[in-house]
Amino acid sequence: MKLAIAATLVTAAAAFAPAAKTVSKTALNSEFSEELGVIAPTGFWDPCSLSDGITQETFDLYRTAELKHGRVAQLAVLGYVVQEIYRFPFDISPGLACADVPNGIAALGAIPLLGWLQIIVLIGAVDLRGFLGDFEVGKLPLDPEILEKRQLCELQHGRIAMLATLELFRHDSQNLVQPGFDGLDNLLTGLPFPY
């Protein structure tokens, strides 16, 4: 018994002994630690070390992609909400009314081949040629501080929308595999106030 207690005390003391310090990549020694979007509590968060050894031009390209994905994710979340409460009163393709297209992930199987082709061509044109890019019309003349705050808000909203979209996809996919697993008929309940 005394031996077990002594071993426990030695183990506990070893847990609090000073350990050798290792150098890790933190926001303090990162080349991009002062960029917009570096906020507490994570700081400059790059778990896959994608920013190691890249140029500012490459970082800006990554940031543009992050903004684009965030905007698409915001539209996806909005689309999930709208399809639960409203359907357009026309045919999306000959013989297929908007009301007949199922909600969420199940809609992917209802899109005809020509519809997929149109989607792929439009996305390719936007990505390749930069259509629908940065417009000067409609921009407000803002102070640099206010502009930076709004850019940070857009970046953060896009990040949370990407997480929300992934959760909506996960929930919807699980509902396809096991219908009614959550006991709800619709993804969103209690509209117009789901919470």
Protein backbone atom coordinates (compact mmCIF):
# COMPACT_ATOMS: atom_id res chain seq x y z
CA MET A 1 0.00 0.00 0.00
CA LYS A 2 2.82 2.39 0.94
CA LEU A 3 4.59 1.56 -2.31
CA ALA A 4 1.46 2.42 -4.34
CA ILE A 5 1.08 5.76 -2.55
CA ALA A 6 4.76 6.59 -3.10
CA ALA A 7 4.48 5.74 -6.81
CA THR A 8 1.41 7.97 -7.11
CA LEU A 9 3.23 10.87 -5.42
CA VAL A 10 6.27 10.49 -7.68
CA THR A 11 4.05 10.39 -10.76
CA ALA A 12 2.15 13.49 -9.63
CA ALA A 13 5.40 15.35 -8.92
CA ALA A 14 6.78 14.41 -12.33
CA ALA A 15 3.71 15.88 -13.99
CA PHE A 16 4.59 19.32 -12.61
CA ALA A 17 8.34 19.14 -13.22
CA PRO A 18 9.76 21.62 -15.75
CA ALA A 19 9.87 20.18 -19.24
CA ALA A 20 12.10 21.03 -22.18
CA LYS A 21 10.59 23.83 -24.21
CA THR A 22 9.97 23.28 -27.89
CA VAL A 23 9.63 25.99 -30.47
CA SER A 24 6.24 25.97 -32.13
CA LYS A 25 4.70 28.10 -34.85
CA THR A 26 2.47 30.65 -33.13
CA ALA A 27 0.91 33.91 -34.07
CA LEU A 28 3.96 35.66 -32.61
CA ASN A 29 6.46 34.18 -35.03
CA SER A 30 4.22 33.82 -38.08
CA GLU A 31 4.85 35.89 -41.16
CA PHE A 32 1.10 36.56 -41.55
CA SER A 33 0.20 37.18 -37.90
CA GLU A 34 -0.87 40.78 -38.61
CA GLU A 35 -3.29 39.94 -41.45
CA LEU A 36 -7.00 40.68 -41.27
CA GLY A 37 -8.87 37.78 -39.71
CA VAL A 38 -6.30 36.95 -37.05
CA ILE A 39 -8.39 37.19 -33.91
CA ALA A 40 -8.51 35.78 -30.38
CA PRO A 41 -8.63 33.11 -29.10
CA THR A 42 -7.04 31.21 -32.00
CA GLY A 43 -4.70 33.88 -33.31
CA PHE A 44 -3.14 32.94 -36.63
CA TRP A 45 -4.50 29.43 -36.99
CA ASP A 46 -2.82 27.30 -39.64
CA PRO A 47 -2.87 23.69 -38.44
CA CYS A 48 -1.77 22.25 -41.81
CA SER A 49 1.08 24.79 -42.22
CA LEU A 50 -0.26 25.95 -45.59
CA SER A 51 1.30 29.37 -45.10
CA ASP A 52 4.84 28.12 -44.51
CA GLY A 53 7.18 29.54 -47.13
CA ILE A 54 4.51 31.19 -49.30
CA THR A 55 4.61 34.70 -50.72
CA GLN A 56 2.21 37.51 -49.91
CA GLU A 57 0.69 37.05 -53.38
CA THR A 58 -0.11 33.39 -52.64
CA PHE A 59 -1.55 34.33 -49.24
CA ASP A 60 -3.78 36.92 -50.93
CA LEU A 61 -4.94 34.24 -53.37
CA TYR A 62 -5.81 31.96 -50.43
CA ARG A 63 -7.69 34.81 -48.75
CA THR A 64 -9.66 35.49 -51.95
CA ALA A 65 -10.61 31.81 -52.10
CA GLU A 66 -11.67 31.91 -48.43
CA LEU A 67 -13.90 34.92 -49.07
CA LYS A 68 -15.43 33.27 -52.14
CA HIS A 69 -16.15 30.04 -50.27
CA GLY A 70 -17.59 32.02 -47.37
CA ARG A 71 -19.96 33.91 -49.67
CA VAL A 72 -21.12 30.69 -51.33
CA ALA A 73 -21.64 29.10 -47.90
CA GLN A 74 -23.74 32.09 -46.79
CA LEU A 75 -25.93 31.61 -49.85
CA ALA A 76 -26.18 27.88 -49.12
CA VAL A 77 -27.39 28.49 -45.57
CA LEU A 78 -29.90 31.04 -46.84
CA GLY A 79 -31.04 28.53 -49.48
CA TYR A 80 -31.67 25.89 -46.83
CA VAL A 81 -33.93 28.30 -44.93
CA VAL A 82 -35.80 29.66 -47.97
CA GLN A 83 -36.63 26.25 -49.45
CA GLU A 84 -38.35 25.27 -46.21
CA ILE A 85 -40.82 28.16 -46.42
CA TYR A 86 -41.11 29.19 -50.09
CA ARG A 87 -40.99 27.64 -53.57
CA PHE A 88 -40.93 29.53 -56.87
CA PRO A 89 -44.16 29.04 -58.87
CA PHE A 90 -42.53 28.03 -62.19
CA ASP A 91 -40.93 24.99 -63.79
CA ILE A 92 -37.18 24.79 -63.24
CA SER A 93 -36.96 22.64 -66.37
CA PRO A 94 -39.63 21.34 -68.74
CA GLY A 95 -41.87 19.06 -66.71
CA LEU A 96 -40.12 19.69 -63.36
CA ALA A 97 -41.77 22.28 -61.12
CA CYS A 98 -39.75 23.98 -58.38
CA ALA A 99 -42.24 22.59 -55.84
CA ASP A 100 -41.38 19.02 -56.94
CA VAL A 101 -37.67 19.35 -56.20
CA PRO A 102 -36.88 17.90 -52.76
CA ASN A 103 -35.13 19.94 -50.08
CA GLY A 104 -31.43 19.82 -49.30
CA ILE A 105 -29.06 17.08 -50.44
CA ALA A 106 -31.91 15.07 -52.00
CA ALA A 107 -32.26 17.83 -54.63
CA LEU A 108 -28.96 16.77 -56.20
CA GLY A 109 -30.62 13.69 -57.67
CA ALA A 110 -33.51 15.72 -59.12
CA ILE A 111 -31.35 18.03 -61.25
CA PRO A 112 -31.44 17.00 -64.93
CA LEU A 113 -28.20 16.51 -66.90
CA LEU A 114 -28.61 19.79 -68.79
CA GLY A 115 -29.02 21.58 -65.45
CA TRP A 116 -25.72 20.13 -64.20
CA LEU A 117 -24.06 21.28 -67.40
CA GLN A 118 -25.34 24.83 -66.90
CA ILE A 119 -24.14 24.88 -63.29
CA ILE A 120 -20.66 23.64 -64.22
CA VAL A 121 -20.31 26.13 -67.11
CA LEU A 122 -21.41 29.08 -64.94
CA ILE A 123 -19.08 28.18 -62.07
CA GLY A 124 -16.23 27.61 -64.53
CA ALA A 125 -16.81 30.99 -66.19
CA VAL A 126 -16.87 32.80 -62.85
CA ASP A 127 -13.71 31.06 -61.60
CA LEU A 128 -11.74 31.17 -64.84
CA ARG A 129 -12.62 34.63 -66.14
CA GLY A 130 -13.37 36.40 -62.88
CA PHE A 131 -16.89 37.39 -63.85
CA LEU A 132 -18.96 38.77 -60.99
CA GLY A 133 -15.83 40.12 -59.36
CA ASP A 134 -15.21 43.41 -57.59
CA PHE A 135 -17.57 46.19 -58.64
CA GLU A 136 -17.05 49.90 -58.05
CA VAL A 137 -20.77 50.68 -58.34
CA GLY A 138 -22.51 50.71 -54.98
CA LYS A 139 -19.41 50.99 -52.81
CA LEU A 140 -19.69 53.42 -49.95
CA PRO A 141 -16.85 55.84 -49.23
CA LEU A 142 -15.89 54.46 -45.80
CA ASP A 143 -13.16 55.40 -43.38
CA PRO A 144 -10.32 52.85 -43.38
CA GLU A 145 -11.16 51.77 -39.81
CA ILE A 146 -14.82 51.11 -40.63
CA LEU A 147 -13.89 49.35 -43.87
CA GLU A 148 -11.46 47.07 -42.02
CA LYS A 149 -14.13 46.26 -39.40
CA ARG A 150 -16.65 45.38 -42.12
CA GLN A 151 -14.12 43.25 -43.98
CA LEU A 152 -13.40 41.36 -40.76
CA CYS A 153 -17.14 40.86 -40.22
CA GLU A 154 -17.52 39.48 -43.75
CA LEU A 155 -14.61 37.11 -43.21
CA GLN A 156 -15.99 35.87 -39.88
CA HIS A 157 -19.53 35.50 -41.24
CA GLY A 158 -18.16 33.44 -44.12
CA ARG A 159 -16.20 31.21 -41.74
CA ILE A 160 -19.22 30.49 -39.55
CA ALA A 161 -21.37 29.95 -42.66
CA MET A 162 -18.90 27.34 -43.93
CA LEU A 163 -19.24 25.46 -40.64
CA ALA A 164 -23.04 25.84 -40.71
CA THR A 165 -23.22 24.54 -44.28
CA LEU A 166 -21.17 21.47 -43.39
CA GLU A 167 -23.48 20.77 -40.44
CA LEU A 168 -26.57 21.20 -42.62
CA PHE A 169 -25.10 18.77 -45.17
CA ARG A 170 -24.21 16.28 -42.42
CA HIS A 171 -27.66 16.47 -40.85
CA ASP A 172 -29.41 16.22 -44.19
CA SER A 173 -27.26 13.26 -45.32
CA GLN A 174 -27.92 11.44 -42.07
CA ASN A 175 -31.64 12.03 -42.56
CA LEU A 176 -31.40 10.46 -46.03
CA VAL A 177 -29.71 7.35 -44.61
CA GLN A 178 -32.04 7.05 -41.60
CA PRO A 179 -35.25 9.02 -42.29
CA GLY A 180 -36.75 10.71 -39.26
CA PHE A 181 -33.71 10.00 -37.02
CA ASP A 182 -34.34 13.29 -35.25
CA GLY A 183 -38.14 12.97 -35.14
CA LEU A 184 -38.67 16.09 -37.28
CA ASP A 185 -40.51 16.36 -40.59
CA ASN A 186 -38.57 19.45 -41.71
CA LEU A 187 -35.00 20.50 -41.09
CA LEU A 188 -36.19 23.82 -39.72
CA THR A 189 -39.14 23.82 -37.33
CA GLY A 190 -41.03 26.61 -35.65
CA LEU A 191 -40.62 29.06 -38.52
CA PRO A 192 -40.45 32.02 -38.73
CA PHE A 193 -38.59 31.75 -35.43
CA PRO A 194 -36.66 28.44 -35.38
CA TYR A 195 -35.08 29.13 -31.97
